[in-house]
Amino acid sequence: MFITIRTFAVTTQQTLSMARPKQDRKICNPPLMQGFKPYGIPRNTLSSLSLLFDEYEVIRLLDYEGMNQEQAAEKMNVSRPTLTRIYEKARKTIATAFVEGKMILIEGGNVQFEKQWFRCKRCFKLVGGLENHVRCKDCKNFCNDELTPINRI
């Protein structure tokens, strides 16, 4: 009987330790910039921190757009407690970068944009879908090869 209980406990513990896969967070569009750098410190001497796209979106919705947490959670297709955890992590990352003089790179995460986004390799301009790609004043060449995809649909 002891062996059976122990086997059950180990099996239960293994089952409970497996995390559920993260659900993609809905985001309207990526940020205009790829990150931020402290003024007055050369880039080659800086270390960097990553701010995920969903963390950027939470800061944008709550602090810039002025939404409450319920509205922002619904817009991003996450629960309110999940939104709160994302927000706390984003604030911690930004505070660390400010206090310690680190660069912030905005990239990655489990996100789903409303459409396919690209960034120009030459001028770094955002393009929402290939059908909206037009020659910009800073680019000499004009072709889809100059675009880097930011996301998957």
Protein backbone atom coordinates (compact mmCIF):
# COMPACT_ATOMS: atom_id res chain seq x y z
CA MET A 1 0.00 0.00 0.00
CA PHE A 2 2.83 2.43 0.72
CA ILE A 3 4.31 1.90 -2.74
CA THR A 4 0.97 2.61 -4.44
CA ILE A 5 0.49 5.87 -2.54
CA ARG A 6 4.04 6.96 -3.24
CA THR A 7 3.64 6.21 -6.96
CA PHE A 8 0.40 8.18 -7.00
CA ALA A 9 2.08 11.12 -5.23
CA VAL A 10 4.98 11.17 -7.69
CA THR A 11 2.60 10.93 -10.67
CA THR A 12 0.42 13.73 -9.27
CA GLN A 13 3.45 15.91 -8.56
CA GLN A 14 4.75 15.46 -12.11
CA THR A 15 1.34 16.29 -13.55
CA LEU A 16 1.02 19.43 -11.42
CA SER A 17 4.49 20.72 -12.31
CA MET A 18 3.74 20.82 -16.05
CA ALA A 19 2.82 24.41 -16.90
CA ARG A 20 0.09 25.27 -19.33
CA PRO A 21 1.38 26.81 -22.58
CA LYS A 22 1.12 30.60 -22.63
CA GLN A 23 -1.75 32.01 -24.63
CA ASP A 24 -0.88 34.61 -27.27
CA ARG A 25 -1.66 38.17 -26.19
CA LYS A 26 -3.46 40.34 -28.75
CA ILE A 27 -1.66 43.51 -29.73
CA CYS A 28 -2.82 46.14 -32.24
CA ASN A 29 0.57 47.10 -33.62
CA PRO A 30 4.25 46.98 -32.66
CA PRO A 31 5.95 50.07 -31.20
CA LEU A 32 7.43 52.64 -33.58
CA MET A 33 10.88 52.17 -32.05
CA GLN A 34 12.93 49.08 -31.31
CA GLY A 35 13.99 50.33 -27.88
CA PHE A 36 15.48 53.14 -25.83
CA LYS A 37 19.00 54.13 -24.86
CA PRO A 38 20.15 56.39 -22.01
CA TYR A 39 21.27 59.79 -23.23
CA GLY A 40 24.98 60.52 -22.86
CA ILE A 41 26.27 56.95 -22.59
CA PRO A 42 27.83 55.29 -25.67
CA ARG A 43 25.85 52.29 -26.88
CA ASN A 44 28.88 49.99 -26.92
CA THR A 45 29.32 50.41 -23.16
CA LEU A 46 25.68 49.70 -22.27
CA SER A 47 24.08 46.47 -21.20
CA SER A 48 20.47 45.93 -22.20
CA LEU A 49 17.17 44.64 -20.86
CA SER A 50 14.32 43.18 -22.88
CA LEU A 51 10.82 44.58 -22.67
CA LEU A 52 8.46 42.12 -24.37
CA PHE A 53 5.83 43.32 -26.85
CA ASP A 54 3.02 42.40 -24.44
CA GLU A 55 4.71 44.38 -21.64
CA TYR A 56 5.01 47.39 -23.95
CA GLU A 57 1.31 47.02 -24.88
CA VAL A 58 0.23 46.93 -21.22
CA ILE A 59 2.18 50.14 -20.50
CA ARG A 60 0.63 51.73 -23.60
CA LEU A 61 -2.93 50.74 -22.74
CA LEU A 62 -2.83 51.55 -19.02
CA ASP A 63 -0.50 54.54 -18.78
CA TYR A 64 -0.76 56.14 -22.23
CA GLU A 65 -4.35 55.34 -23.28
CA GLY A 66 -5.66 55.58 -19.70
CA MET A 67 -7.66 52.34 -19.80
CA ASN A 68 -8.49 50.54 -16.60
CA GLN A 69 -7.14 47.03 -16.06
CA GLU A 70 -10.41 45.32 -16.97
CA GLN A 71 -10.59 47.09 -20.34
CA ALA A 72 -6.94 46.46 -21.13
CA ALA A 73 -7.18 42.78 -20.18
CA GLU A 74 -10.19 42.33 -22.46
CA LYS A 75 -8.44 44.10 -25.34
CA MET A 76 -5.34 41.87 -24.97
CA ASN A 77 -7.40 38.69 -24.46
CA VAL A 78 -5.91 37.89 -21.03
CA SER A 79 -7.31 37.72 -17.50
CA ARG A 80 -7.02 40.75 -15.24
CA PRO A 81 -4.57 38.98 -12.86
CA THR A 82 -2.39 38.05 -15.86
CA LEU A 83 -2.46 41.66 -17.04
CA THR A 84 -1.39 42.79 -13.56
CA ARG A 85 1.57 40.38 -13.60
CA ILE A 86 2.63 41.60 -17.06
CA TYR A 87 2.31 45.23 -15.89
CA GLU A 88 4.41 44.66 -12.77
CA LYS A 89 7.16 42.98 -14.80
CA ALA A 90 7.15 45.84 -17.33
CA ARG A 91 7.38 48.49 -14.60
CA LYS A 92 10.24 46.61 -12.94
CA THR A 93 12.14 46.37 -16.24
CA ILE A 94 11.70 50.09 -16.98
CA ALA A 95 12.66 51.11 -13.43
CA THR A 96 15.79 48.94 -13.55
CA ALA A 97 16.80 50.47 -16.88
CA PHE A 98 16.29 54.03 -15.57
CA VAL A 99 18.12 53.52 -12.28
CA GLU A 100 20.99 51.39 -13.61
CA GLY A 101 21.37 53.23 -16.93
CA LYS A 102 20.60 50.25 -19.16
CA MET A 103 19.28 50.13 -22.71
CA ILE A 104 15.76 48.75 -23.28
CA LEU A 105 15.14 46.50 -26.31
CA ILE A 106 11.47 45.97 -27.18
CA GLU A 107 11.14 42.51 -28.70
CA GLY A 108 9.57 39.06 -28.59
CA GLY A 109 6.99 37.40 -26.39
CA ASN A 110 3.84 35.39 -27.00
CA VAL A 111 1.91 37.93 -29.02
CA GLN A 112 -0.49 38.01 -31.92
CA PHE A 113 -0.84 41.18 -33.98
CA GLU A 114 -4.02 42.04 -35.84
CA LYS A 115 -2.12 41.94 -39.15
CA GLN A 116 1.35 41.17 -40.49
CA TRP A 117 3.93 43.87 -39.67
CA PHE A 118 7.30 44.55 -41.27
CA ARG A 119 10.18 46.92 -40.55
CA CYS A 120 12.33 48.46 -43.28
CA LYS A 121 15.98 47.36 -42.98
CA ARG A 122 17.19 50.76 -44.18
CA CYS A 123 15.06 53.39 -42.42
CA PHE A 124 13.38 51.19 -39.74
CA LYS A 125 9.91 52.47 -40.70
CA LEU A 126 6.98 50.21 -39.75
CA VAL A 127 4.84 48.81 -42.56
CA GLY A 128 1.45 47.25 -41.80
CA GLY A 129 1.09 44.56 -44.47
CA LEU A 130 2.83 44.21 -47.82
CA GLU A 131 -0.06 45.93 -49.57
CA ASN A 132 0.79 49.14 -47.65
CA HIS A 133 4.48 49.13 -48.59
CA VAL A 134 5.38 52.32 -50.41
CA ARG A 135 8.76 53.85 -51.17
CA CYS A 136 9.83 56.10 -48.35
CA LYS A 137 11.97 59.18 -48.89
CA ASP A 138 14.99 57.66 -47.09
CA CYS A 139 15.15 54.44 -49.13
CA LYS A 140 16.85 54.37 -52.54
CA ASN A 141 15.66 50.87 -53.45
CA PHE A 142 12.06 49.76 -53.39
CA CYS A 143 11.33 46.06 -53.02
CA ASN A 144 9.87 43.68 -50.47
CA ASP A 145 13.34 42.22 -49.79
CA GLU A 146 14.16 45.30 -47.73
CA LEU A 147 11.42 44.40 -45.21
CA THR A 148 11.99 42.29 -42.10
CA PRO A 149 8.86 40.55 -40.72
CA ILE A 150 8.14 41.44 -37.10
CA ASN A 151 5.48 38.85 -36.35
CA ARG A 152 3.43 35.94 -37.43
CA ILE A 153 -0.31 36.26 -38.00
